[in-house]
Amino acid sequence: MSQQSPTLLVVEDEIELQKIIQEILEPEIPGIICAKDGQEALDLLSKNSSICAILSDINMPRMTGLELLKNLRSRFNPIPFVVLTAYGNPQSMREAIQLNATDFLDKPFSTEELVSVVKRAVEYGKEIQKIEKEIEEKYKDSSAENVEFLRRVKRTTLNMKAENTIYVKSRSG
């Protein structure tokens, strides 16, 4: 694992697949950490403010990927969230879209597709973090209420941008 601050959180209950994803992505995205389910992911997120994107399986024990996404969005957390699924369940996909998932990857995925989708999510996440810092710096002397208002405006804007750019691959069969 990289010694850099974490930038990507991979949430996958299949440990071998976790390792494969990490090996594929580390040359392009340093700072990857892994969780085996949504609950462990929440714990890691609470300790690592440098995480700027999530790649998560849907079906996992304890807390599913969709439950993790729902939890984050209920806190107005705009972190880019890429859904990884082997099932392609249309109901799960609709729910992920409604919860503002950033993108989707089907198992099995190609190396190129994985790298491309995740790099885009990390870049987007870094931009969100940059904006958060700028708000805190610019308005550090403002009331906490004003800073929180600006954060809500930013999150709403980013969520609308994500909703306008989301795509779902057409499914054959």
N, C-alpha and C. Protein backbone atom coordinates (compact mmCIF):
# COMPACT_ATOMS: atom_id res chain seq x y z
N MET A 1 0.84 -1.19 0.00
CA MET A 1 0.00 0.00 0.00
C MET A 1 0.87 1.24 0.00
N SER A 2 0.44 2.27 -0.66
CA SER A 2 1.17 3.52 -0.77
C SER A 2 1.26 4.23 0.58
N GLN A 3 2.35 4.99 0.76
CA GLN A 3 2.55 5.75 1.99
C GLN A 3 1.87 7.11 1.93
N GLN A 4 1.32 7.47 0.79
CA GLN A 4 0.66 8.76 0.64
C GLN A 4 -0.67 8.76 1.37
N SER A 5 -1.21 9.97 1.55
CA SER A 5 -2.54 10.08 2.15
C SER A 5 -3.54 9.36 1.25
N PRO A 6 -4.52 8.71 1.87
CA PRO A 6 -5.51 7.99 1.04
C PRO A 6 -6.29 8.95 0.15
N THR A 7 -6.51 8.56 -1.09
CA THR A 7 -7.34 9.35 -1.98
C THR A 7 -8.53 8.54 -2.48
N LEU A 8 -8.40 7.23 -2.51
CA LEU A 8 -9.46 6.36 -3.01
C LEU A 8 -9.76 5.29 -1.99
N LEU A 9 -11.03 5.07 -1.74
CA LEU A 9 -11.47 4.00 -0.86
C LEU A 9 -12.16 2.95 -1.72
N VAL A 10 -11.62 1.74 -1.73
CA VAL A 10 -12.20 0.61 -2.44
C VAL A 10 -12.96 -0.23 -1.42
N VAL A 11 -14.26 -0.42 -1.66
CA VAL A 11 -15.10 -1.18 -0.74
C VAL A 11 -15.56 -2.44 -1.47
N GLU A 12 -14.98 -3.56 -1.07
CA GLU A 12 -15.23 -4.83 -1.76
C GLU A 12 -15.02 -5.95 -0.75
N ASP A 13 -16.00 -6.85 -0.64
CA ASP A 13 -15.90 -7.94 0.34
C ASP A 13 -15.05 -9.10 -0.16
N GLU A 14 -14.81 -9.20 -1.45
CA GLU A 14 -13.96 -10.26 -1.99
C GLU A 14 -12.50 -9.76 -1.93
N ILE A 15 -11.74 -10.27 -0.98
CA ILE A 15 -10.38 -9.78 -0.71
C ILE A 15 -9.48 -9.91 -1.94
N GLU A 16 -9.60 -11.01 -2.67
CA GLU A 16 -8.76 -11.19 -3.87
C GLU A 16 -9.06 -10.11 -4.91
N LEU A 17 -10.34 -9.80 -5.10
CA LEU A 17 -10.71 -8.75 -6.04
C LEU A 17 -10.22 -7.39 -5.55
N GLN A 18 -10.30 -7.14 -4.25
CA GLN A 18 -9.74 -5.92 -3.65
C GLN A 18 -8.28 -5.76 -4.07
N LYS A 19 -7.50 -6.83 -3.90
CA LYS A 19 -6.07 -6.79 -4.22
C LYS A 19 -5.83 -6.53 -5.71
N ILE A 20 -6.64 -7.17 -6.55
CA ILE A 20 -6.50 -6.98 -8.00
C ILE A 20 -6.79 -5.52 -8.37
N ILE A 21 -7.88 -4.98 -7.85
CA ILE A 21 -8.24 -3.58 -8.12
C ILE A 21 -7.12 -2.66 -7.67
N GLN A 22 -6.60 -2.90 -6.48
CA GLN A 22 -5.53 -2.06 -5.94
C GLN A 22 -4.28 -2.14 -6.83
N GLU A 23 -3.92 -3.33 -7.26
CA GLU A 23 -2.75 -3.50 -8.13
C GLU A 23 -2.93 -2.78 -9.46
N ILE A 24 -4.13 -2.83 -10.02
CA ILE A 24 -4.40 -2.16 -11.29
C ILE A 24 -4.34 -0.64 -11.13
N LEU A 25 -4.91 -0.13 -10.05
CA LEU A 25 -5.07 1.31 -9.90
C LEU A 25 -3.86 2.03 -9.30
N GLU A 26 -3.07 1.37 -8.46
CA GLU A 26 -1.99 2.07 -7.76
C GLU A 26 -1.00 2.81 -8.65
N PRO A 27 -0.65 2.30 -9.84
CA PRO A 27 0.27 3.10 -10.68
C PRO A 27 -0.33 4.45 -11.10
N GLU A 28 -1.65 4.51 -11.19
CA GLU A 28 -2.33 5.73 -11.63
C GLU A 28 -2.89 6.55 -10.47
N ILE A 29 -3.26 5.88 -9.40
CA ILE A 29 -3.93 6.54 -8.27
C ILE A 29 -3.24 6.09 -6.97
N PRO A 30 -2.26 6.86 -6.53
CA PRO A 30 -1.61 6.49 -5.27
C PRO A 30 -2.53 6.76 -4.08
N GLY A 31 -2.31 6.04 -3.01
CA GLY A 31 -3.09 6.29 -1.79
C GLY A 31 -4.41 5.56 -1.74
N ILE A 32 -4.42 4.29 -2.11
CA ILE A 32 -5.65 3.50 -2.08
C ILE A 32 -5.74 2.76 -0.75
N ILE A 33 -6.92 2.83 -0.12
CA ILE A 33 -7.18 2.00 1.05
C ILE A 33 -8.43 1.18 0.78
N CYS A 34 -8.58 0.09 1.51
CA CYS A 34 -9.68 -0.84 1.24
C CYS A 34 -10.51 -1.13 2.48
N ALA A 35 -11.79 -1.41 2.25
CA ALA A 35 -12.72 -1.84 3.29
C ALA A 35 -13.47 -3.05 2.76
N LYS A 36 -13.91 -3.92 3.69
CA LYS A 36 -14.59 -5.13 3.25
C LYS A 36 -16.12 -4.99 3.23
N ASP A 37 -16.63 -3.88 3.76
CA ASP A 37 -18.08 -3.63 3.72
C ASP A 37 -18.34 -2.14 4.00
N GLY A 38 -19.59 -1.75 3.88
CA GLY A 38 -19.97 -0.36 4.06
C GLY A 38 -19.69 0.19 5.45
N GLN A 39 -19.86 -0.64 6.46
CA GLN A 39 -19.62 -0.18 7.84
C GLN A 39 -18.14 0.14 8.05
N GLU A 40 -17.28 -0.74 7.57
CA GLU A 40 -15.83 -0.48 7.68
C GLU A 40 -15.46 0.77 6.87
N ALA A 41 -16.11 0.95 5.73
CA ALA A 41 -15.86 2.13 4.90
C ALA A 41 -16.21 3.42 5.66
N LEU A 42 -17.37 3.43 6.33
CA LEU A 42 -17.74 4.61 7.11
C LEU A 42 -16.72 4.91 8.19
N ASP A 43 -16.22 3.87 8.85
CA ASP A 43 -15.20 4.05 9.88
C ASP A 43 -13.94 4.68 9.28
N LEU A 44 -13.50 4.18 8.13
CA LEU A 44 -12.31 4.72 7.48
C LEU A 44 -12.53 6.17 7.02
N LEU A 45 -13.71 6.45 6.49
CA LEU A 45 -14.02 7.81 6.05
C LEU A 45 -13.99 8.81 7.21
N SER A 46 -14.42 8.37 8.39
CA SER A 46 -14.44 9.27 9.54
C SER A 46 -13.02 9.60 10.02
N LYS A 47 -12.05 8.75 9.67
CA LYS A 47 -10.66 8.95 10.11
C LYS A 47 -9.76 9.54 9.02
N ASN A 48 -10.23 9.57 7.78
CA ASN A 48 -9.38 9.97 6.65
C ASN A 48 -10.06 11.04 5.80
N SER A 49 -9.81 12.29 6.11
CA SER A 49 -10.45 13.37 5.36
C SER A 49 -9.86 13.54 3.96
N SER A 50 -8.75 12.86 3.66
CA SER A 50 -8.14 12.99 2.34
C SER A 50 -8.78 12.08 1.30
N ILE A 51 -9.64 11.17 1.71
CA ILE A 51 -10.31 10.29 0.75
C ILE A 51 -11.25 11.15 -0.10
N CYS A 52 -11.06 11.09 -1.41
CA CYS A 52 -11.84 11.97 -2.28
C CYS A 52 -12.73 11.21 -3.26
N ALA A 53 -12.70 9.88 -3.23
CA ALA A 53 -13.58 9.10 -4.11
C ALA A 53 -13.72 7.68 -3.54
N ILE A 54 -14.84 7.04 -3.92
CA ILE A 54 -15.13 5.68 -3.46
C ILE A 54 -15.50 4.81 -4.65
N LEU A 55 -14.94 3.61 -4.67
CA LEU A 55 -15.34 2.55 -5.60
C LEU A 55 -15.91 1.46 -4.73
N SER A 56 -17.21 1.16 -4.88
CA SER A 56 -17.85 0.23 -3.96
C SER A 56 -18.70 -0.81 -4.68
N ASP A 57 -18.54 -2.03 -4.22
CA ASP A 57 -19.42 -3.12 -4.62
C ASP A 57 -20.81 -2.82 -4.04
N ILE A 58 -21.85 -3.41 -4.61
CA ILE A 58 -23.20 -3.23 -4.07
C ILE A 58 -23.49 -4.29 -3.01
N ASN A 59 -23.31 -5.55 -3.35
CA ASN A 59 -23.70 -6.64 -2.45
C ASN A 59 -22.55 -7.04 -1.54
N MET A 60 -22.71 -6.68 -0.26
CA MET A 60 -21.71 -6.99 0.76
C MET A 60 -22.43 -7.26 2.08
N PRO A 61 -21.77 -7.98 2.99
CA PRO A 61 -22.38 -8.22 4.31
C PRO A 61 -22.38 -6.94 5.15
N ARG A 62 -23.08 -6.98 6.25
CA ARG A 62 -23.21 -5.89 7.24
C ARG A 62 -23.85 -4.63 6.65
N MET A 63 -23.22 -3.99 5.69
CA MET A 63 -23.79 -2.79 5.07
C MET A 63 -23.45 -2.83 3.58
N THR A 64 -24.49 -2.80 2.74
CA THR A 64 -24.29 -2.86 1.30
C THR A 64 -23.73 -1.54 0.77
N GLY A 65 -23.30 -1.58 -0.47
CA GLY A 65 -22.81 -0.37 -1.12
C GLY A 65 -23.89 0.69 -1.25
N LEU A 66 -25.13 0.27 -1.52
CA LEU A 66 -26.22 1.24 -1.62
C LEU A 66 -26.55 1.85 -0.27
N GLU A 67 -26.47 1.05 0.80
CA GLU A 67 -26.69 1.60 2.14
C GLU A 67 -25.59 2.61 2.50
N LEU A 68 -24.36 2.30 2.10
CA LEU A 68 -23.25 3.24 2.31
C LEU A 68 -23.50 4.54 1.55
N LEU A 69 -23.87 4.43 0.29
CA LEU A 69 -24.15 5.61 -0.53
C LEU A 69 -25.29 6.43 0.07
N LYS A 70 -26.36 5.77 0.48
CA LYS A 70 -27.50 6.45 1.10
C LYS A 70 -27.06 7.19 2.37
N ASN A 71 -26.24 6.53 3.19
CA ASN A 71 -25.73 7.14 4.41
C ASN A 71 -24.94 8.41 4.10
N LEU A 72 -24.06 8.35 3.11
CA LEU A 72 -23.25 9.51 2.74
C LEU A 72 -24.11 10.65 2.21
N ARG A 73 -25.05 10.31 1.34
CA ARG A 73 -25.88 11.36 0.75
C ARG A 73 -26.82 11.99 1.78
N SER A 74 -27.23 11.21 2.79
CA SER A 74 -28.10 11.77 3.84
C SER A 74 -27.34 12.82 4.66
N ARG A 75 -26.02 12.76 4.62
CA ARG A 75 -25.18 13.75 5.31
C ARG A 75 -24.74 14.86 4.35
N PHE A 76 -25.31 14.91 3.17
CA PHE A 76 -24.95 15.86 2.12
C PHE A 76 -23.49 15.73 1.73
N ASN A 77 -22.97 14.52 1.78
CA ASN A 77 -21.59 14.28 1.39
C ASN A 77 -21.55 14.04 -0.12
N PRO A 78 -20.93 14.95 -0.88
CA PRO A 78 -20.94 14.82 -2.34
C PRO A 78 -19.79 13.98 -2.91
N ILE A 79 -19.12 13.19 -2.09
CA ILE A 79 -17.96 12.41 -2.55
C ILE A 79 -18.33 11.57 -3.77
N PRO A 80 -17.51 11.61 -4.81
CA PRO A 80 -17.78 10.78 -5.98
C PRO A 80 -17.81 9.30 -5.59
N PHE A 81 -18.83 8.61 -6.09
CA PHE A 81 -19.11 7.22 -5.68
C PHE A 81 -19.35 6.39 -6.93
N VAL A 82 -18.43 5.47 -7.20
CA VAL A 82 -18.55 4.58 -8.36
C VAL A 82 -19.08 3.24 -7.87
N VAL A 83 -20.17 2.78 -8.46
CA VAL A 83 -20.81 1.54 -8.08
C VAL A 83 -20.23 0.40 -8.92
N LEU A 84 -19.83 -0.66 -8.23
CA LEU A 84 -19.27 -1.85 -8.86
C LEU A 84 -20.25 -2.99 -8.62
N THR A 85 -20.72 -3.62 -9.70
CA THR A 85 -21.72 -4.67 -9.51
C THR A 85 -21.53 -5.82 -10.49
N ALA A 86 -21.85 -7.00 -10.01
CA ALA A 86 -21.82 -8.19 -10.86
C ALA A 86 -23.23 -8.57 -11.30
N TYR A 87 -24.20 -7.89 -10.78
CA TYR A 87 -25.57 -8.33 -10.98
C TYR A 87 -26.36 -7.48 -11.97
N GLY A 88 -26.02 -6.22 -12.13
CA GLY A 88 -26.72 -5.39 -13.08
C GLY A 88 -28.21 -5.30 -12.81
N ASN A 89 -28.61 -5.39 -11.56
CA ASN A 89 -30.00 -5.32 -11.15
C ASN A 89 -30.56 -3.93 -11.47
N PRO A 90 -31.57 -3.83 -12.35
CA PRO A 90 -32.10 -2.52 -12.73
C PRO A 90 -32.62 -1.72 -11.52
N GLN A 91 -33.22 -2.37 -10.55
CA GLN A 91 -33.73 -1.66 -9.37
C GLN A 91 -32.57 -1.04 -8.58
N SER A 92 -31.49 -1.79 -8.41
CA SER A 92 -30.31 -1.27 -7.71
C SER A 92 -29.69 -0.11 -8.48
N MET A 93 -29.65 -0.24 -9.79
CA MET A 93 -29.10 0.83 -10.62
C MET A 93 -29.93 2.11 -10.50
N ARG A 94 -31.25 1.96 -10.52
CA ARG A 94 -32.12 3.14 -10.35
C ARG A 94 -31.90 3.79 -9.00
N GLU A 95 -31.80 2.96 -7.96
CA GLU A 95 -31.57 3.51 -6.62
C GLU A 95 -30.23 4.24 -6.56
N ALA A 96 -29.20 3.68 -7.18
CA ALA A 96 -27.89 4.33 -7.20
C ALA A 96 -27.95 5.66 -7.94
N ILE A 97 -28.70 5.71 -9.03
CA ILE A 97 -28.86 6.97 -9.77
C ILE A 97 -29.57 7.99 -8.89
N GLN A 98 -30.65 7.57 -8.23
CA GLN A 98 -31.39 8.49 -7.35
C GLN A 98 -30.52 9.00 -6.21
N LEU A 99 -29.56 8.20 -5.77
CA LEU A 99 -28.65 8.60 -4.70
C LEU A 99 -27.41 9.32 -5.25
N ASN A 100 -27.45 9.61 -6.54
CA ASN A 100 -26.41 10.39 -7.19
C ASN A 100 -25.06 9.67 -7.25
N ALA A 101 -25.08 8.40 -7.62
CA ALA A 101 -23.82 7.69 -7.90
C ALA A 101 -23.15 8.41 -9.06
N THR A 102 -21.84 8.42 -9.05
CA THR A 102 -21.09 9.13 -10.08
C THR A 102 -20.98 8.31 -11.36
N ASP A 103 -20.81 7.00 -11.21
CA ASP A 103 -20.61 6.14 -12.37
C ASP A 103 -20.85 4.70 -11.96
N PHE A 104 -20.80 3.79 -12.96
CA PHE A 104 -21.05 2.37 -12.73
C PHE A 104 -20.01 1.54 -13.47
N LEU A 105 -19.61 0.44 -12.86
CA LEU A 105 -18.75 -0.54 -13.51
C LEU A 105 -19.36 -1.92 -13.29
N ASP A 106 -19.44 -2.69 -14.36
CA ASP A 106 -19.93 -4.07 -14.26
C ASP A 106 -18.74 -5.01 -14.10
N LYS A 107 -18.92 -6.02 -13.25
CA LYS A 107 -17.94 -7.12 -13.16
C LYS A 107 -18.31 -8.13 -14.23
N PRO A 108 -17.42 -8.66 -14.98
CA PRO A 108 -16.01 -8.28 -15.03
C PRO A 108 -15.84 -6.97 -15.79
N PHE A 109 -14.81 -6.23 -15.45
CA PHE A 109 -14.52 -4.94 -16.07
C PHE A 109 -13.15 -5.03 -16.74
N SER A 110 -12.93 -4.14 -17.70
CA SER A 110 -11.61 -4.09 -18.33
C SER A 110 -10.71 -3.18 -17.50
N THR A 111 -9.43 -3.43 -17.58
CA THR A 111 -8.46 -2.60 -16.86
C THR A 111 -8.59 -1.14 -17.29
N GLU A 112 -8.71 -0.91 -18.59
CA GLU A 112 -8.79 0.45 -19.11
C GLU A 112 -10.04 1.16 -18.58
N GLU A 113 -11.16 0.46 -18.57
CA GLU A 113 -12.40 1.05 -18.09
C GLU A 113 -12.30 1.38 -16.61
N LEU A 114 -11.76 0.48 -15.81
CA LEU A 114 -11.59 0.71 -14.38
C LEU A 114 -10.74 1.94 -14.14
N VAL A 115 -9.58 2.01 -14.78
CA VAL A 115 -8.67 3.14 -14.58
C VAL A 115 -9.33 4.44 -15.01
N SER A 116 -9.97 4.46 -16.15
CA SER A 116 -10.60 5.67 -16.67
C SER A 116 -11.69 6.20 -15.75
N VAL A 117 -12.60 5.31 -15.37
CA VAL A 117 -13.74 5.71 -14.53
C VAL A 117 -13.27 6.19 -13.16
N VAL A 118 -12.35 5.46 -12.55
CA VAL A 118 -11.89 5.81 -11.20
C VAL A 118 -11.04 7.08 -11.22
N LYS A 119 -10.18 7.24 -12.23
CA LYS A 119 -9.39 8.47 -12.32
C LYS A 119 -10.29 9.70 -12.42
N ARG A 120 -11.35 9.59 -13.21
CA ARG A 120 -12.31 10.70 -13.35
C ARG A 120 -12.96 11.01 -12.01
N ALA A 121 -13.35 9.99 -11.27
CA ALA A 121 -13.98 10.19 -9.96
C ALA A 121 -13.01 10.83 -8.97
N VAL A 122 -11.76 10.39 -8.96
CA VAL A 122 -10.77 10.96 -8.05
C VAL A 122 -10.50 12.42 -8.39
N GLU A 123 -10.38 12.73 -9.67
CA GLU A 123 -10.16 14.13 -10.08
C GLU A 123 -11.33 15.01 -9.64
N TYR A 124 -12.52 14.52 -9.83
CA TYR A 124 -13.72 15.24 -9.41
C TYR A 124 -13.72 15.42 -7.89
N GLY A 125 -13.37 14.38 -7.17
CA GLY A 125 -13.31 14.45 -5.71
C GLY A 125 -12.27 15.44 -5.21
N LYS A 126 -11.13 15.49 -5.88
CA LYS A 126 -10.09 16.45 -5.50
C LYS A 126 -10.59 17.88 -5.72
N GLU A 127 -11.34 18.08 -6.78
CA GLU A 127 -11.91 19.41 -7.04
C GLU A 127 -12.90 19.79 -5.94
N ILE A 128 -13.72 18.84 -5.50
CA ILE A 128 -14.66 19.10 -4.42
C ILE A 128 -13.89 19.49 -3.15
N GLN A 129 -12.83 18.76 -2.83
CA GLN A 129 -12.04 19.07 -1.64
C GLN A 129 -11.38 20.45 -1.74
N LYS A 130 -10.93 20.79 -2.93
CA LYS A 130 -10.31 22.11 -3.15
C LYS A 130 -11.33 23.22 -2.88
N ILE A 131 -12.54 23.04 -3.37
CA ILE A 131 -13.60 24.03 -3.14
C ILE A 131 -13.93 24.12 -1.66
N GLU A 132 -14.00 22.98 -0.97
CA GLU A 132 -14.26 22.98 0.48
C GLU A 132 -13.22 23.81 1.21
N LYS A 133 -11.95 23.59 0.87
CA LYS A 133 -10.85 24.34 1.53
C LYS A 133 -10.97 25.83 1.25
N GLU A 134 -11.28 26.18 0.01
CA GLU A 134 -11.42 27.59 -0.36
C GLU A 134 -12.54 28.25 0.42
N ILE A 135 -13.65 27.55 0.58
CA ILE A 135 -14.76 28.10 1.37
C ILE A 135 -14.31 28.33 2.80
N GLU A 136 -13.64 27.35 3.39
CA GLU A 136 -13.19 27.49 4.77
C GLU A 136 -12.20 28.64 4.92
N GLU A 137 -11.26 28.77 3.97
CA GLU A 137 -10.27 29.85 4.03
C GLU A 137 -10.93 31.22 3.87
N LYS A 138 -11.76 31.35 2.85
CA LYS A 138 -12.38 32.64 2.55
C LYS A 138 -13.32 33.11 3.65
N TYR A 139 -14.00 32.16 4.26
CA TYR A 139 -15.05 32.53 5.19
C TYR A 139 -14.73 32.11 6.62
N LYS A 140 -13.42 31.99 6.95
CA LYS A 140 -13.05 31.54 8.29
C LYS A 140 -13.49 32.50 9.38
N ASP A 141 -13.67 33.78 9.02
CA ASP A 141 -14.12 34.76 10.01
C ASP A 141 -15.64 34.91 10.03
N SER A 142 -16.31 34.22 9.14
CA SER A 142 -17.78 34.28 9.10
C SER A 142 -18.35 33.38 10.17
N SER A 143 -19.62 33.55 10.41
CA SER A 143 -20.29 32.69 11.39
C SER A 143 -20.35 31.26 10.86
N ALA A 144 -20.42 30.31 11.75
CA ALA A 144 -20.53 28.90 11.38
C ALA A 144 -21.78 28.68 10.52
N GLU A 145 -22.82 29.43 10.80
CA GLU A 145 -24.07 29.32 10.03
C GLU A 145 -23.84 29.72 8.57
N ASN A 146 -23.09 30.80 8.34
CA ASN A 146 -22.80 31.24 6.97
C ASN A 146 -21.94 30.24 6.22
N VAL A 147 -20.93 29.70 6.90
CA VAL A 147 -20.06 28.71 6.27
C VAL A 147 -20.86 27.46 5.91
N GLU A 148 -21.73 27.02 6.80
CA GLU A 148 -22.54 25.84 6.51
C GLU A 148 -23.50 26.11 5.35
N PHE A 149 -24.04 27.32 5.27
CA PHE A 149 -24.91 27.69 4.15
C PHE A 149 -24.13 27.59 2.84
N LEU A 150 -22.91 28.13 2.81
CA LEU A 150 -22.10 28.07 1.59
C LEU A 150 -21.77 26.62 1.22
N ARG A 151 -21.51 25.79 2.20
CA ARG A 151 -21.26 24.37 1.92
C ARG A 151 -22.48 23.71 1.31
N ARG A 152 -23.67 24.02 1.83
CA ARG A 152 -24.89 23.43 1.27
C ARG A 152 -25.10 23.88 -0.16
N VAL A 153 -24.82 25.16 -0.44
CA VAL A 153 -24.95 25.66 -1.81
C VAL A 153 -23.99 24.91 -2.73
N LYS A 154 -22.73 24.76 -2.28
CA LYS A 154 -21.73 24.06 -3.07
C LYS A 154 -22.15 22.61 -3.31
N ARG A 155 -22.60 21.94 -2.27
CA ARG A 155 -22.99 20.53 -2.41
C ARG A 155 -24.16 20.38 -3.36
N THR A 156 -25.12 21.26 -3.25
CA THR A 156 -26.28 21.22 -4.15
C THR A 156 -25.84 21.42 -5.59
N THR A 157 -24.95 22.39 -5.81
CA THR A 157 -24.45 22.66 -7.15
C THR A 157 -23.68 21.46 -7.70
N LEU A 158 -22.82 20.89 -6.88
CA LEU A 158 -22.06 19.73 -7.33
C LEU A 158 -22.96 18.54 -7.61
N ASN A 159 -23.98 18.34 -6.76
CA ASN A 159 -24.91 17.24 -7.00
C ASN A 159 -25.68 17.43 -8.29
N MET A 160 -26.09 18.66 -8.57
CA MET A 160 -26.80 18.93 -9.82
C MET A 160 -25.88 18.68 -11.00
N LYS A 161 -24.62 19.09 -10.88
CA LYS A 161 -23.66 18.86 -11.96
C LYS A 161 -23.50 17.35 -12.19
N ALA A 162 -23.39 16.60 -11.12
CA ALA A 162 -23.24 15.15 -11.24
C ALA A 162 -24.47 14.53 -11.88
N GLU A 163 -25.66 14.97 -11.48
CA GLU A 163 -26.89 14.44 -12.05
C GLU A 163 -26.95 14.72 -13.54
N ASN A 164 -26.43 15.85 -13.97
CA ASN A 164 -26.47 16.20 -15.38
C ASN A 164 -25.43 15.47 -16.21
N THR A 165 -24.38 14.94 -15.57
CA THR A 165 -23.33 14.28 -16.33
C THR A 165 -23.33 12.77 -16.19
N ILE A 166 -24.22 12.24 -15.36
CA ILE A 166 -24.23 10.79 -15.12
C ILE A 166 -24.66 10.04 -16.40
N TYR A 167 -24.12 8.87 -16.54
CA TYR A 167 -24.57 8.02 -17.64
C TYR A 167 -24.68 6.59 -17.14
N VAL A 168 -25.53 5.88 -17.76
CA VAL A 168 -25.68 4.47 -17.46
C VAL A 168 -25.51 3.72 -18.78
N LYS A 169 -24.59 2.79 -18.78
CA LYS A 169 -24.34 2.03 -20.02
C LYS A 169 -25.60 1.26 -20.38
N SER A 170 -25.88 1.20 -21.67
CA SER A 170 -27.03 0.41 -22.10
C SER A 170 -26.71 -1.06 -21.89
N ARG A 171 -27.68 -1.81 -21.53
CA ARG A 171 -27.50 -3.22 -21.22
C ARG A 171 -28.02 -4.06 -22.40
N SER A 172 -27.24 -5.02 -22.75
CA SER A 172 -27.69 -5.93 -23.81
C SER A 172 -28.36 -7.14 -23.17
N GLY A 173 -29.28 -7.70 -23.86
CA GLY A 173 -29.93 -8.93 -23.37
C GLY A 173 -31.09 -8.62 -22.63
